[in-house]
Amino acid sequence: MPDKALQALKEAYQHHVEWMQTHAEQLETGKAQHLEQDRGMVVNKSTELAEEFRYRANNLHALILAYEALASKSSS
């Protein structure tokens, strides 16, 4: 894959990481809420969703770091 395409992919992944982190923060601080209905009751699932966003953001960030490490190794 050409370097420009890989760079664009890395930037898109980084954008997703930032999006997930921002939304996790909003859910954690109460600026946003994720409500679900369960047996006629409204349940706030904001904490669980924030944890999921952080988990996925961290995994994606780890992939970016691994790519950068491989790219720097192969260019040496």
C-alpha atoms as a PDB file:
ATOM      1  CA  MET A   1       0.000   0.000   0.000  1.00  0.00           C
ATOM      2  CA  PRO A   2       1.408   3.430  -0.867  1.00  0.00           C
ATOM      3  CA  ASP A   3       2.714   5.557   1.993  1.00  0.00           C
ATOM      4  CA  LYS A   4       0.062   8.248   1.415  1.00  0.00           C
ATOM      5  CA  ALA A   5      -2.719   5.694   1.737  1.00  0.00           C
ATOM      6  CA  LEU A   6      -1.243   4.280   4.934  1.00  0.00           C
ATOM      7  CA  GLN A   7      -0.859   7.779   6.357  1.00  0.00           C
ATOM      8  CA  ALA A   8      -4.500   8.559   5.505  1.00  0.00           C
ATOM      9  CA  LEU A   9      -5.601   5.329   7.178  1.00  0.00           C
ATOM     10  CA  LYS A  10      -3.567   6.146  10.291  1.00  0.00           C
ATOM     11  CA  GLU A  11      -5.111   9.632  10.427  1.00  0.00           C
ATOM     12  CA  ALA A  12      -8.616   8.187  10.066  1.00  0.00           C
ATOM     13  CA  TYR A  13      -7.934   5.747  12.911  1.00  0.00           C
ATOM     14  CA  GLN A  14      -6.607   8.596  15.052  1.00  0.00           C
ATOM     15  CA  HIS A  15      -9.767  10.586  14.324  1.00  0.00           C
ATOM     16  CA  HIS A  16     -11.851   7.631  15.543  1.00  0.00           C
ATOM     17  CA  VAL A  17      -9.748   7.364  18.716  1.00  0.00           C
ATOM     18  CA  GLU A  18     -10.326  11.048  19.451  1.00  0.00           C
ATOM     19  CA  TRP A  19     -14.061  10.735  18.710  1.00  0.00           C
ATOM     20  CA  MET A  20     -14.443   7.789  21.090  1.00  0.00           C
ATOM     21  CA  GLN A  21     -12.436   9.518  23.838  1.00  0.00           C
ATOM     22  CA  THR A  22     -14.508  12.692  23.506  1.00  0.00           C
ATOM     23  CA  HIS A  23     -17.772  10.770  23.680  1.00  0.00           C
ATOM     24  CA  ALA A  24     -16.544   8.737  26.646  1.00  0.00           C
ATOM     25  CA  GLU A  25     -15.713  11.961  28.480  1.00  0.00           C
ATOM     26  CA  GLN A  26     -19.140  13.415  27.705  1.00  0.00           C
ATOM     27  CA  LEU A  27     -20.821  10.280  29.039  1.00  0.00           C
ATOM     28  CA  GLU A  28     -18.634  10.256  32.156  1.00  0.00           C
ATOM     29  CA  THR A  29     -19.265  13.908  32.975  1.00  0.00           C
ATOM     30  CA  GLY A  30     -23.002  13.777  32.323  1.00  0.00           C
ATOM     31  CA  LYS A  31     -22.901  16.064  29.288  1.00  0.00           C
ATOM     32  CA  ALA A  32     -24.424  13.137  27.383  1.00  0.00           C
ATOM     33  CA  GLN A  33     -26.412  10.124  28.485  1.00  0.00           C
ATOM     34  CA  HIS A  34     -27.201   6.745  27.003  1.00  0.00           C
ATOM     35  CA  LEU A  35     -30.573   5.553  28.237  1.00  0.00           C
ATOM     36  CA  GLU A  36     -32.157   2.180  27.555  1.00  0.00           C
ATOM     37  CA  GLN A  37     -35.539   0.784  28.417  1.00  0.00           C
ATOM     38  CA  ASP A  38     -35.573  -2.451  30.401  1.00  0.00           C
ATOM     39  CA  ARG A  39     -38.864  -3.988  31.564  1.00  0.00           C
ATOM     40  CA  GLY A  40     -40.607  -0.647  31.439  1.00  0.00           C
ATOM     41  CA  MET A  41     -37.856   1.114  33.392  1.00  0.00           C
ATOM     42  CA  VAL A  42     -35.400   3.615  31.950  1.00  0.00           C
ATOM     43  CA  VAL A  43     -31.826   2.581  32.749  1.00  0.00           C
ATOM     44  CA  ASN A  44     -28.799   4.859  32.382  1.00  0.00           C
ATOM     45  CA  LYS A  45     -26.101   2.874  30.554  1.00  0.00           C
ATOM     46  CA  SER A  46     -23.745   5.851  30.153  1.00  0.00           C
ATOM     47  CA  THR A  47     -20.968   4.400  32.327  1.00  0.00           C
ATOM     48  CA  GLU A  48     -20.931   1.093  30.455  1.00  0.00           C
ATOM     49  CA  LEU A  49     -20.875   2.827  27.077  1.00  0.00           C
ATOM     50  CA  ALA A  50     -18.082   5.173  28.197  1.00  0.00           C
ATOM     51  CA  GLU A  51     -16.033   2.157  29.304  1.00  0.00           C
ATOM     52  CA  GLU A  52     -16.627   0.486  25.936  1.00  0.00           C
ATOM     53  CA  PHE A  53     -15.550   3.634  24.058  1.00  0.00           C
ATOM     54  CA  ARG A  54     -12.368   3.903  26.146  1.00  0.00           C
ATOM     55  CA  TYR A  55     -11.573   0.207  25.673  1.00  0.00           C
ATOM     56  CA  ARG A  56     -11.989   0.414  21.896  1.00  0.00           C
ATOM     57  CA  ALA A  57     -10.100   3.716  21.682  1.00  0.00           C
ATOM     58  CA  ASN A  58      -7.177   2.220  23.603  1.00  0.00           C
ATOM     59  CA  ASN A  59      -7.118  -0.841  21.335  1.00  0.00           C
ATOM     60  CA  LEU A  60      -7.163   1.287  18.207  1.00  0.00           C
ATOM     61  CA  HIS A  61      -4.441   3.534  19.614  1.00  0.00           C
ATOM     62  CA  ALA A  62      -2.317   0.445  20.314  1.00  0.00           C
ATOM     63  CA  LEU A  63      -2.731  -0.579  16.653  1.00  0.00           C
ATOM     64  CA  ILE A  64      -1.569   2.863  15.538  1.00  0.00           C
ATOM     65  CA  LEU A  65       1.499   2.642  17.775  1.00  0.00           C
ATOM     66  CA  ALA A  66       2.291  -0.858  16.493  1.00  0.00           C
ATOM     67  CA  TYR A  67       2.004   0.336  12.898  1.00  0.00           C
ATOM     68  CA  GLU A  68       4.323   3.263  13.618  1.00  0.00           C
ATOM     69  CA  ALA A  69       6.869   0.943  15.252  1.00  0.00           C
ATOM     70  CA  LEU A  70       6.781  -1.421  12.265  1.00  0.00           C
ATOM     71  CA  ALA A  71       6.980   1.435   9.787  1.00  0.00           C
ATOM     72  CA  SER A  72       9.998   2.958  11.513  1.00  0.00           C
ATOM     73  CA  LYS A  73      11.696  -0.450  11.702  1.00  0.00           C
ATOM     74  CA  SER A  74      11.173  -1.181   8.003  1.00  0.00           C
ATOM     75  CA  SER A  75      12.417   2.250   6.931  1.00  0.00           C
ATOM     76  CA  SER A  76      15.676   1.819   8.880  1.00  0.00           C
END
